Amino acid sequence: MGTKFLWWIVLTMFMGASLFPIWSTRCPPMQDYPRHLALAEILNRIHDPAFDYGQNFDDHLRVGPYSFFYLAVLGMAAFFPVETAGKVVISLYLVLIAFLVGRISLRSSLDLPRSPSFPSWTPLLFFLFAFNQFYFLGMVNFIISVPLLILALRDHDRLSREDAGRHPFVRHILWQIVLFLAHPFTFLIYIFFALLGAAVFDRARPKFKRSLILPFAAAVVFSTWYVMTTTVLSTSAPAASPLRWLPPRMTIAYLAYMFTGMRWFDGVDMPAVVLWTALGVVILRGYLVLPKKERSLPDRYVLFLGVSLLALLTLPFAQGGYSYVNLRFAPVSYFFLTMIVSNLRWKRGRTAVLIFLIASLMASSVVKQRRISREIGEVVPLIKVIPPNVRILPLVFDNDSPELDRPFFDVHLHDHDYYHVFVGGGINPYFPRESIFPVRYKAHAEKPAPPEYQPQRFVWDLHADDYRYFLARRAPPEFVSFLSTRAEPVGRSGPWILFKKKRK
């Protein structure tokens, strides 16, 4: 009883630590999050006459893949401001992580012998892997889908082995529905791994047919959605873009980011490397000292991990505008790895070392997140100076952070989107145009602007007429001097400078 009580205390502490970076600052440490939150705000206010969103945007939100974050935020916006609603949804992701830890620690479904030390502490690794590369990239729908994937696969395994009543079956369908709404790629991964697990491990089980029917039904849903989507888009879609692969060293570096403090080419975070190495040694040593009868690992997840790593190394990075195809298997592989070691139970001394190392890595991640949040928050004092319902042109000359590796992270590329959340109304030229996003520009609303990644191509005579404010980050001195002759500097905050066009 004492061990179980201590486990709940530790779980609560980890949960609080994971939520702290989200709620302790106005700007969570996530690259694309401001964009997603701004789109949710536009959807929430598109019919509000106090804002000009309805003049500039069309609402294309539909219940389907990629819609979970927006639907959840809009549902909560009836009770909270969108800024708060967004944090609640991100918190739900971390609640899912805690739920996953609890279910696996206290009610493991894996056929491994239990040691006297109860419960298992190794699932706390899920808290570390929650703050993976895609978390810092701010791909909110995808990160939410990863713990849903594990919960769905775990349920599928149980349903194929047990006499399940109506409740477990309905619960599994609910996992499928939410996973489908969150992200179609992860939904497709679920279908593949569920069918693979059934074909390899469930053929001799009495519930084999059930284990095939559930993912097969999901495959029918996915295929129907895919055919309907491609049919609708086929009339205006461009010719198929070629596949693009990353150099192997880039893929390996991306996989390693989790264990090197999200840095590689700019120099690894050595304290993080040391802590992760020590943690790996403790887990491996703890496994090797177990009696042979307790060393068996869950074959299902060993296979899933191997296939995930193979997919990571062989699949393309992108086709057209859809990218990070193979890299999405990185967090999936981390979660499978945790499932493999989740039933390991050791004596108290080794468990204490394990908890200490996980807690140290968690603290390191929290500190990093806080620093990134403060960097993002430097734009807030300036955007609050801008009145509502105006056109702004962001010119981000340097979108990097010293906390994250430059080749894969553009942390400050979307900071300016907080204007639409904290002030409201207005428009900027860099909202995404892909059909998967729920908001699109009206035809007359799109105005000339330099490429988002090439602000140095700004030309006053081509780009300035349609904008009232110019928000520049780390602009070169010569550009600041040039713009100061045509626009009035309004203020500075950290590396940001705000300019207001001079009256003619």
Protein backbone atom coordinates (compact mmCIF):
# COMPACT_ATOMS: atom_id res chain seq x y z
CA MET A 1 0.00 0.00 0.00
CA GLY A 2 2.84 2.33 0.81
CA THR A 3 4.54 1.69 -2.54
CA LYS A 4 1.31 2.34 -4.41
CA PHE A 5 0.71 5.56 -2.47
CA LEU A 6 4.25 6.72 -3.26
CA TRP A 7 3.65 5.90 -6.93
CA TRP A 8 0.60 8.18 -6.99
CA ILE A 9 2.60 11.00 -5.39
CA VAL A 10 5.34 10.64 -8.00
CA LEU A 11 2.80 10.51 -10.84
CA THR A 12 1.15 13.70 -9.54
CA MET A 13 4.53 15.45 -9.33
CA PHE A 14 5.42 14.47 -12.89
CA MET A 15 2.02 15.60 -14.09
CA GLY A 16 2.45 18.97 -12.41
CA ALA A 17 5.94 19.38 -13.85
CA SER A 18 4.72 18.58 -17.35
CA LEU A 19 1.93 21.18 -17.10
CA PHE A 20 4.14 23.89 -15.59
CA PRO A 21 5.72 25.18 -18.85
CA ILE A 22 2.26 25.41 -20.46
CA TRP A 23 0.56 27.42 -17.73
CA SER A 24 3.44 29.46 -16.30
CA THR A 25 3.85 31.59 -19.44
CA ARG A 26 1.55 33.13 -22.03
CA CYS A 27 3.35 31.44 -24.91
CA PRO A 28 3.91 27.66 -24.78
CA PRO A 29 7.29 26.53 -26.20
CA MET A 30 5.87 25.22 -29.47
CA GLN A 31 6.77 26.45 -32.96
CA ASP A 32 3.52 26.02 -34.93
CA TYR A 33 1.20 26.42 -31.94
CA PRO A 34 0.65 30.20 -32.46
CA ARG A 35 -0.51 29.49 -36.02
CA HIS A 36 -2.96 26.79 -34.93
CA LEU A 37 -4.26 28.98 -32.10
CA ALA A 38 -4.71 31.95 -34.43
CA LEU A 39 -6.68 29.79 -36.87
CA ALA A 40 -8.89 28.66 -33.98
CA GLU A 41 -9.42 32.30 -32.98
CA ILE A 42 -10.37 33.21 -36.55
CA LEU A 43 -12.90 30.36 -36.60
CA ASN A 44 -14.27 31.48 -33.25
CA ARG A 45 -14.68 35.13 -34.31
CA ILE A 46 -15.33 34.85 -38.04
CA HIS A 47 -18.94 36.05 -37.66
CA ASP A 48 -18.19 38.62 -34.96
CA PRO A 49 -18.77 42.14 -36.39
CA ALA A 50 -16.14 43.55 -34.02
CA PHE A 51 -13.45 41.81 -36.07
CA ASP A 52 -12.74 41.76 -39.79
CA TYR A 53 -12.09 38.02 -40.08
CA GLY A 54 -15.25 37.44 -42.09
CA GLN A 55 -14.03 39.93 -44.70
CA ASN A 56 -10.72 38.15 -45.20
CA PHE A 57 -11.26 34.44 -44.52
CA ASP A 58 -13.58 31.56 -45.32
CA ASP A 59 -14.45 28.88 -42.78
CA HIS A 60 -13.61 25.39 -44.08
CA LEU A 61 -13.63 23.48 -40.80
CA ARG A 62 -15.10 20.01 -41.22
CA VAL A 63 -15.38 17.10 -38.80
CA GLY A 64 -12.62 14.82 -40.00
CA PRO A 65 -8.84 14.31 -39.84
CA TYR A 66 -6.79 17.25 -38.51
CA SER A 67 -9.89 18.76 -36.89
CA PHE A 68 -9.51 17.55 -33.29
CA PHE A 69 -7.53 20.54 -31.98
CA TYR A 70 -9.81 23.11 -33.61
CA LEU A 71 -13.01 21.36 -32.56
CA ALA A 72 -11.77 21.00 -29.00
CA VAL A 73 -10.66 24.64 -28.75
CA LEU A 74 -13.93 25.91 -30.25
CA GLY A 75 -15.90 23.74 -27.84
CA MET A 76 -14.03 25.18 -24.87
CA ALA A 77 -14.14 28.74 -26.25
CA ALA A 78 -17.74 28.89 -25.02
CA PHE A 79 -16.32 28.92 -21.49
CA PHE A 80 -12.77 30.28 -21.83
CA PRO A 81 -10.85 32.70 -24.04
CA VAL A 82 -9.23 30.91 -26.99
CA GLU A 83 -5.80 31.48 -25.41
CA THR A 84 -6.88 29.49 -22.34
CA ALA A 85 -8.79 26.91 -24.38
CA GLY A 86 -5.65 26.14 -26.38
CA LYS A 87 -3.69 25.49 -23.20
CA VAL A 88 -6.47 23.24 -21.92
CA VAL A 89 -6.24 21.13 -25.09
CA ILE A 90 -2.46 20.83 -24.78
CA SER A 91 -3.03 19.87 -21.16
CA LEU A 92 -5.36 17.11 -22.35
CA TYR A 93 -2.41 15.70 -24.27
CA LEU A 94 -0.43 15.52 -21.05
CA VAL A 95 -3.43 14.06 -19.23
CA LEU A 96 -3.45 11.33 -21.90
CA ILE A 97 0.22 10.70 -21.14
CA ALA A 98 -0.54 10.40 -17.41
CA PHE A 99 -3.49 8.11 -18.18
CA LEU A 100 -1.22 5.94 -20.31
CA VAL A 101 1.37 5.78 -17.52
CA GLY A 102 -1.31 4.83 -15.02
CA ARG A 103 -2.92 2.11 -17.09
CA ILE A 104 0.38 0.45 -17.97
CA SER A 105 1.90 0.77 -14.51
CA LEU A 106 -1.10 -0.46 -12.58
CA ARG A 107 -2.91 -2.75 -15.04
CA SER A 108 -0.41 -4.14 -17.49
CA SER A 109 -1.92 -6.34 -20.20
CA LEU A 110 1.40 -7.94 -21.15
CA ASP A 111 1.93 -11.58 -20.29
CA LEU A 112 4.98 -11.10 -18.16
CA PRO A 113 5.46 -12.41 -14.63
CA ARG A 114 5.11 -9.80 -11.93
CA SER A 115 7.84 -9.26 -9.43
CA PRO A 116 7.00 -8.45 -5.82
CA SER A 117 7.81 -4.78 -6.32
CA PHE A 118 4.52 -3.20 -7.38
CA PRO A 119 3.86 -1.15 -9.46
CA SER A 120 6.22 -0.64 -12.41
CA TRP A 121 8.02 2.72 -12.56
CA THR A 122 9.52 2.54 -16.06
CA PRO A 123 6.33 3.88 -17.75
CA LEU A 124 7.30 7.27 -16.31
CA LEU A 125 9.49 7.43 -19.43
CA PHE A 126 6.33 8.41 -21.30
CA PHE A 127 6.54 11.83 -19.63
CA LEU A 128 10.02 12.36 -21.09
CA PHE A 129 9.02 11.17 -24.55
CA ALA A 130 5.93 13.41 -24.47
CA PHE A 131 8.28 16.37 -24.99
CA ASN A 132 9.65 15.06 -28.25
CA GLN A 133 10.64 16.88 -31.44
CA PHE A 134 7.05 17.25 -32.65
CA TYR A 135 6.05 18.82 -29.35
CA PHE A 136 8.61 21.58 -29.87
CA LEU A 137 7.56 21.84 -33.52
CA GLY A 138 4.04 22.48 -32.24
CA MET A 139 2.29 19.95 -34.49
CA VAL A 140 -0.58 19.72 -32.04
CA ASN A 141 -2.88 17.26 -33.79
CA PHE A 142 -0.02 14.83 -34.38
CA ILE A 143 1.39 14.87 -30.85
CA ILE A 144 -2.09 14.25 -29.43
CA SER A 145 -2.48 11.28 -31.77
CA VAL A 146 0.63 9.41 -30.57
CA PRO A 147 -0.58 8.41 -27.07
CA LEU A 148 -3.97 7.66 -28.65
CA LEU A 149 -2.16 5.29 -31.01
CA ILE A 150 -0.60 3.39 -28.11
CA LEU A 151 -3.88 3.22 -26.21
CA ALA A 152 -5.69 1.92 -29.30
CA LEU A 153 -3.04 -0.72 -30.06
CA ARG A 154 -2.95 -1.82 -26.44
CA ASP A 155 -6.74 -2.17 -26.41
CA HIS A 156 -6.61 -4.07 -29.69
CA ASP A 157 -4.17 -6.54 -28.15
CA ARG A 158 -6.44 -7.08 -25.16
CA LEU A 159 -9.58 -7.51 -27.27
CA SER A 160 -7.86 -10.19 -29.34
CA ARG A 161 -6.98 -12.18 -26.22
CA GLU A 162 -9.87 -11.73 -23.82
CA ASP A 163 -13.60 -12.29 -23.66
CA ALA A 164 -14.55 -8.63 -23.81
CA GLY A 165 -18.01 -7.29 -23.20
CA ARG A 166 -19.65 -4.27 -24.74
CA HIS A 167 -17.73 -1.67 -22.74
CA PRO A 168 -14.17 -2.56 -23.93
CA PHE A 169 -15.42 -2.85 -27.51
CA VAL A 170 -17.08 0.60 -27.41
CA ARG A 171 -14.00 2.07 -25.75
CA HIS A 172 -11.84 0.79 -28.57
CA ILE A 173 -14.15 2.33 -31.17
CA LEU A 174 -13.88 5.64 -29.31
CA TRP A 175 -10.07 5.44 -29.45
CA GLN A 176 -10.35 4.88 -33.20
CA ILE A 177 -12.70 7.86 -33.68
CA VAL A 178 -10.56 10.32 -31.73
CA LEU A 179 -7.42 9.04 -33.42
CA PHE A 180 -9.04 9.53 -36.82
CA LEU A 181 -10.03 13.11 -35.93
CA ALA A 182 -6.56 13.88 -34.63
CA HIS A 183 -4.34 12.75 -37.49
CA PRO A 184 -4.85 10.46 -40.52
CA PHE A 185 -1.18 9.43 -40.69
CA THR A 186 -1.26 8.06 -37.15
CA PHE A 187 -4.63 6.46 -37.89
CA LEU A 188 -3.00 4.70 -40.84
CA ILE A 189 -0.14 3.58 -38.58
CA TYR A 190 -2.72 2.11 -36.20
CA ILE A 191 -4.35 0.15 -39.03
CA PHE A 192 -1.01 -1.22 -40.20
CA PHE A 193 0.29 -2.25 -36.79
CA ALA A 194 -3.04 -3.69 -35.65
CA LEU A 195 -3.23 -5.87 -38.77
CA LEU A 196 0.45 -6.78 -38.45
CA GLY A 197 0.02 -7.75 -34.80
CA ALA A 198 -3.05 -9.81 -35.60
CA ALA A 199 -1.38 -11.62 -38.51
CA VAL A 200 1.81 -12.45 -36.58
CA PHE A 201 0.58 -13.05 -33.02
CA ASP A 202 -3.18 -13.66 -32.99
CA ARG A 203 -3.77 -16.41 -35.54
CA ALA A 204 -3.99 -19.13 -32.89
CA ARG A 205 -6.19 -17.11 -30.58
CA PRO A 206 -9.96 -17.67 -30.38
CA LYS A 207 -10.59 -13.96 -30.99
CA PHE A 208 -8.51 -13.81 -34.17
CA LYS A 209 -11.43 -12.74 -36.36
CA ARG A 210 -12.21 -9.88 -34.02
CA SER A 211 -8.61 -8.72 -34.10
CA LEU A 212 -8.89 -8.48 -37.90
CA ILE A 213 -12.34 -6.92 -38.08
CA LEU A 214 -11.54 -3.86 -35.95
CA PRO A 215 -8.56 -2.56 -37.98
CA PHE A 216 -10.23 -3.66 -41.22
CA ALA A 217 -13.24 -1.46 -40.39
CA ALA A 218 -10.83 1.38 -39.66
CA ALA A 219 -9.16 0.78 -43.04
CA VAL A 220 -12.55 1.10 -44.77
CA VAL A 221 -13.14 4.44 -43.00
CA PHE A 222 -9.69 5.71 -43.95
CA SER A 223 -10.06 4.60 -47.58
CA THR A 224 -13.47 6.26 -47.86
CA TRP A 225 -12.14 9.51 -46.46
CA TYR A 226 -9.08 9.39 -48.73
CA VAL A 227 -11.10 8.74 -51.89
CA MET A 228 -13.58 11.50 -51.06
CA THR A 229 -10.79 13.96 -50.28
CA THR A 230 -8.76 13.25 -53.41
CA THR A 231 -11.91 13.36 -55.57
CA VAL A 232 -12.84 16.80 -54.26
CA LEU A 233 -9.31 18.13 -54.73
CA SER A 234 -8.51 16.43 -58.04
CA THR A 235 -10.00 19.17 -60.21
CA SER A 236 -7.66 21.84 -58.86
CA ALA A 237 -4.71 19.80 -57.56
CA PRO A 238 -1.33 20.29 -59.27
CA ALA A 239 0.59 17.43 -60.79
CA ALA A 240 2.02 14.96 -58.30
CA SER A 241 5.20 16.24 -56.71
CA PRO A 242 8.27 14.00 -56.56
CA LEU A 243 9.20 12.24 -53.36
CA ARG A 244 12.05 13.70 -51.34
CA TRP A 245 14.37 11.79 -49.01
CA LEU A 246 16.59 13.21 -46.29
CA PRO A 247 20.28 12.32 -46.15
CA PRO A 248 20.72 9.45 -43.66
CA ARG A 249 22.76 11.62 -41.32
CA MET A 250 19.83 14.05 -41.03
CA THR A 251 17.38 11.26 -40.22
CA ILE A 252 19.70 9.76 -37.61
CA ALA A 253 20.30 13.17 -36.06
CA TYR A 254 16.56 13.74 -35.84
CA LEU A 255 16.05 10.39 -34.11
CA ALA A 256 18.87 11.24 -31.69
CA TYR A 257 17.48 14.68 -30.77
CA MET A 258 15.43 13.15 -27.97
CA PHE A 259 18.63 12.02 -26.27
CA THR A 260 20.85 15.02 -27.03
CA GLY A 261 18.73 17.89 -25.73
CA MET A 262 17.16 18.66 -29.13
CA ARG A 263 20.54 19.60 -30.53
CA TRP A 264 23.03 17.91 -32.85
CA PHE A 265 24.57 19.99 -35.63
CA ASP A 266 24.82 23.04 -33.37
CA GLY A 267 26.45 21.01 -30.62
CA VAL A 268 24.72 18.52 -28.32
CA ASP A 269 23.50 19.31 -24.81
CA MET A 270 26.07 17.30 -22.86
CA PRO A 271 24.18 17.18 -19.51
CA ALA A 272 21.20 15.67 -21.36
CA VAL A 273 23.48 13.15 -23.12
CA VAL A 274 25.05 12.10 -19.80
CA LEU A 275 21.67 11.71 -18.08
CA TRP A 276 20.16 9.72 -20.95
CA THR A 277 23.25 7.50 -21.11
CA ALA A 278 23.06 6.82 -17.37
CA LEU A 279 19.34 6.08 -17.67
CA GLY A 280 19.97 3.62 -20.51
CA VAL A 281 22.69 1.87 -18.50
CA VAL A 282 20.42 1.59 -15.46
CA ILE A 283 17.57 0.09 -17.50
CA LEU A 284 19.84 -2.32 -19.37
CA ARG A 285 21.66 -3.37 -16.19
CA GLY A 286 18.35 -3.77 -14.40
CA TYR A 287 17.10 -6.02 -17.16
CA LEU A 288 20.24 -8.18 -17.18
CA VAL A 289 20.16 -8.83 -13.43
CA LEU A 290 16.56 -10.06 -13.52
CA PRO A 291 15.99 -13.82 -13.25
CA LYS A 292 15.74 -15.43 -16.69
CA LYS A 293 12.03 -16.15 -16.27
CA GLU A 294 11.38 -12.40 -15.88
CA ARG A 295 13.51 -11.25 -18.84
CA SER A 296 10.97 -11.94 -21.57
CA LEU A 297 9.98 -8.83 -23.50
CA PRO A 298 6.67 -8.22 -25.28
CA ASP A 299 7.29 -9.59 -28.77
CA ARG A 300 4.47 -7.51 -30.21
CA TYR A 301 6.10 -4.19 -29.34
CA VAL A 302 9.60 -5.40 -30.16
CA LEU A 303 8.32 -6.08 -33.68
CA PHE A 304 6.51 -2.72 -33.80
CA LEU A 305 9.68 -0.90 -32.72
CA GLY A 306 11.77 -2.64 -35.38
CA VAL A 307 9.28 -1.84 -38.13
CA SER A 308 9.04 1.80 -36.95
CA LEU A 309 12.81 2.24 -37.11
CA LEU A 310 12.89 0.63 -40.55
CA ALA A 311 10.16 3.01 -41.74
CA LEU A 312 12.04 5.95 -40.27
CA LEU A 313 15.17 5.04 -42.20
CA THR A 314 13.56 4.11 -45.54
CA LEU A 315 10.43 6.19 -46.11
CA PRO A 316 10.62 9.59 -47.87
CA PHE A 317 10.68 12.80 -45.91
CA ALA A 318 8.11 14.61 -48.05
CA GLN A 319 5.93 14.69 -51.10
CA GLY A 320 4.90 18.12 -52.21
CA GLY A 321 3.77 20.20 -49.27
CA TYR A 322 3.34 17.21 -46.95
CA SER A 323 6.55 16.66 -45.02
CA TYR A 324 8.03 14.87 -42.02
CA VAL A 325 6.63 11.57 -43.35
CA ASN A 326 9.38 9.27 -42.12
CA LEU A 327 10.29 11.42 -39.13
CA ARG A 328 6.84 10.91 -37.62
CA PHE A 329 8.00 7.42 -36.71
CA ALA A 330 10.56 8.87 -34.27
CA PRO A 331 8.11 9.61 -31.41
CA VAL A 332 6.16 6.46 -32.28
CA SER A 333 9.35 4.43 -31.82
CA TYR A 334 10.04 6.13 -28.46
CA PHE A 335 6.60 5.12 -27.22
CA PHE A 336 7.04 1.54 -28.44
CA LEU A 337 10.40 1.41 -26.67
CA THR A 338 8.71 2.46 -23.44
CA MET A 339 6.09 -0.24 -23.92
CA ILE A 340 8.88 -2.81 -24.23
CA VAL A 341 10.46 -1.89 -20.89
CA SER A 342 7.24 -0.94 -19.12
CA ASN A 343 6.91 -4.19 -17.16
CA LEU A 344 10.41 -4.23 -15.73
CA ARG A 345 10.30 -4.18 -11.93
CA TRP A 346 13.38 -4.00 -9.76
CA LYS A 347 14.42 -3.63 -6.16
CA ARG A 348 14.02 -0.31 -4.42
CA GLY A 349 17.61 0.91 -4.85
CA ARG A 350 17.65 0.57 -8.61
CA THR A 351 14.11 1.98 -8.81
CA ALA A 352 15.18 5.05 -6.81
CA VAL A 353 18.05 5.68 -9.25
CA LEU A 354 15.67 5.25 -12.16
CA ILE A 355 13.21 7.79 -10.74
CA PHE A 356 16.02 10.23 -9.96
CA LEU A 357 17.36 10.11 -13.53
CA ILE A 358 13.90 10.45 -15.10
CA ALA A 359 13.13 13.37 -12.77
CA SER A 360 16.44 15.05 -13.66
CA LEU A 361 15.73 14.76 -17.39
CA MET A 362 12.22 16.04 -16.81
CA ALA A 363 13.58 19.06 -14.95
CA SER A 364 16.04 19.70 -17.79
CA SER A 365 13.22 19.64 -20.33
CA VAL A 366 11.08 21.98 -18.22
CA VAL A 367 13.93 24.50 -17.95
CA LYS A 368 14.49 24.36 -21.71
CA GLN A 369 10.79 24.87 -22.36
CA ARG A 370 10.68 27.86 -20.04
CA ARG A 371 13.59 29.51 -21.84
CA ILE A 372 11.94 28.97 -25.23
CA SER A 373 8.64 30.33 -23.91
CA ARG A 374 10.36 33.49 -22.71
CA GLU A 375 11.95 33.92 -26.14
CA ILE A 376 8.58 33.58 -27.87
CA GLY A 377 6.99 35.93 -25.35
CA GLU A 378 9.34 38.75 -26.35
CA VAL A 379 6.99 39.58 -29.23
CA VAL A 380 3.95 40.11 -26.98
CA PRO A 381 4.67 43.70 -25.79
CA LEU A 382 4.91 44.86 -29.41
CA ILE A 383 1.85 43.10 -30.80
CA LYS A 384 -0.22 44.61 -27.99
CA VAL A 385 0.72 48.07 -29.32
CA ILE A 386 -0.89 47.28 -32.68
CA PRO A 387 -4.59 48.17 -32.88
CA PRO A 388 -7.08 45.47 -33.84
CA ASN A 389 -8.16 44.72 -37.41
CA VAL A 390 -5.03 45.88 -39.24
CA ARG A 391 -2.76 44.28 -41.82
CA ILE A 392 0.71 43.41 -40.57
CA LEU A 393 3.73 42.16 -42.48
CA PRO A 394 6.07 39.98 -40.39
CA LEU A 395 9.70 39.98 -41.55
CA VAL A 396 11.51 37.27 -39.62
CA PHE A 397 15.18 37.41 -40.59
CA ASP A 398 16.24 34.96 -37.87
CA ASN A 399 13.71 32.40 -36.68
CA ASP A 400 16.11 30.24 -34.64
CA SER A 401 16.61 29.66 -30.93
CA PRO A 402 19.87 28.63 -29.23
CA GLU A 403 17.83 25.98 -27.41
CA LEU A 404 16.96 23.95 -30.51
CA ASP A 405 18.93 22.72 -33.53
CA ARG A 406 18.63 25.05 -36.52
CA PRO A 407 18.26 22.53 -39.37
CA PHE A 408 14.87 21.27 -38.16
CA PHE A 409 13.45 23.98 -35.90
CA ASP A 410 12.22 27.46 -36.86
CA VAL A 411 10.95 28.36 -33.42
CA HIS A 412 10.08 32.00 -34.03
CA LEU A 413 8.61 31.73 -37.51
CA HIS A 414 5.01 32.07 -36.27
CA ASP A 415 5.39 34.18 -33.12
CA HIS A 416 3.57 37.07 -34.82
CA ASP A 417 0.37 35.00 -35.08
CA TYR A 418 -0.25 35.75 -31.41
CA TYR A 419 -1.42 39.18 -32.61
CA HIS A 420 -4.66 37.58 -33.83
CA VAL A 421 -5.14 35.93 -30.43
CA PHE A 422 -4.06 38.65 -27.99
CA VAL A 423 -5.39 41.65 -29.95
CA GLY A 424 -7.78 40.26 -32.55
CA GLY A 425 -8.76 40.81 -36.14
CA GLY A 426 -6.40 41.77 -38.92
CA ILE A 427 -4.52 39.66 -41.40
CA ASN A 428 -0.98 38.65 -42.32
CA PRO A 429 0.12 37.00 -45.57
CA TYR A 430 1.61 33.82 -44.13
CA PHE A 431 -1.31 31.67 -43.06
CA PRO A 432 -1.13 28.21 -44.69
CA ARG A 433 -3.05 27.63 -47.90
CA GLU A 434 -3.17 23.82 -47.86
CA SER A 435 -6.64 22.29 -47.94
CA ILE A 436 -6.12 20.44 -44.65
CA PHE A 437 -6.29 23.71 -42.71
CA PRO A 438 -9.72 24.96 -41.59
CA VAL A 439 -9.32 28.61 -42.68
CA ARG A 440 -8.56 29.98 -46.13
CA TYR A 441 -8.05 33.44 -47.53
CA LYS A 442 -10.78 35.02 -49.57
CA ALA A 443 -9.58 35.74 -53.10
CA HIS A 444 -9.32 39.50 -52.62
CA ALA A 445 -7.56 39.20 -49.25
CA GLU A 446 -4.25 37.84 -50.52
CA LYS A 447 -1.70 40.59 -51.06
CA PRO A 448 1.91 40.58 -52.28
CA ALA A 449 4.56 39.69 -49.72
CA PRO A 450 8.12 38.35 -49.81
CA PRO A 451 8.51 34.59 -49.23
CA GLU A 452 8.12 33.77 -45.55
CA TYR A 453 11.67 32.39 -45.32
CA GLN A 454 13.17 35.19 -47.43
CA PRO A 455 12.34 38.55 -45.84
CA GLN A 456 15.45 40.02 -47.50
CA ARG A 457 13.43 39.98 -50.74
CA PHE A 458 11.13 42.67 -49.36
CA VAL A 459 10.71 45.52 -51.85
CA TRP A 460 8.93 48.63 -50.64
CA ASP A 461 7.24 49.45 -53.93
CA LEU A 462 5.98 45.87 -54.34
CA HIS A 463 5.02 44.90 -50.81
CA ALA A 464 4.41 47.93 -48.60
CA ASP A 465 1.15 49.36 -49.95
CA ASP A 466 -1.10 46.74 -48.40
CA TYR A 467 0.34 46.78 -44.87
CA ARG A 468 0.14 49.28 -42.06
CA TYR A 469 2.58 47.69 -39.61
CA PHE A 470 5.88 45.85 -40.17
CA LEU A 471 7.16 43.50 -37.48
CA ALA A 472 10.81 42.54 -37.96
CA ARG A 473 12.93 40.06 -36.00
CA ARG A 474 16.72 40.40 -35.99
CA ALA A 475 16.66 42.62 -39.05
CA PRO A 476 20.11 43.68 -40.32
CA PRO A 477 21.10 47.26 -39.40
CA GLU A 478 21.00 48.35 -43.05
CA PHE A 479 17.42 47.06 -43.38
CA VAL A 480 16.39 48.88 -40.18
CA SER A 481 17.90 52.09 -41.54
CA PHE A 482 16.16 51.63 -44.88
CA LEU A 483 12.77 50.93 -43.33
CA SER A 484 13.13 53.80 -40.85
CA THR A 485 13.11 56.29 -43.72
CA ARG A 486 9.65 55.09 -44.79
CA ALA A 487 8.09 53.83 -41.57
CA GLU A 488 8.20 55.05 -38.00
CA PRO A 489 9.81 52.76 -35.40
CA VAL A 490 7.18 52.20 -32.73
CA GLY A 491 9.10 50.08 -30.26
CA ARG A 492 11.56 47.29 -29.58
CA SER A 493 11.29 44.13 -27.52
CA GLY A 494 14.25 41.78 -27.49
CA PRO A 495 15.16 41.08 -31.12
CA TRP A 496 11.83 42.45 -32.43
CA ILE A 497 11.24 45.91 -33.91
CA LEU A 498 7.80 47.25 -34.79
CA PHE A 499 7.37 49.83 -37.54
CA LYS A 500 4.30 51.83 -38.48
CA LYS A 501 3.97 53.18 -42.00
CA LYS A 502 4.34 56.96 -42.17
CA ARG A 503 1.44 58.97 -43.43
CA LYS A 504 1.90 60.32 -46.93
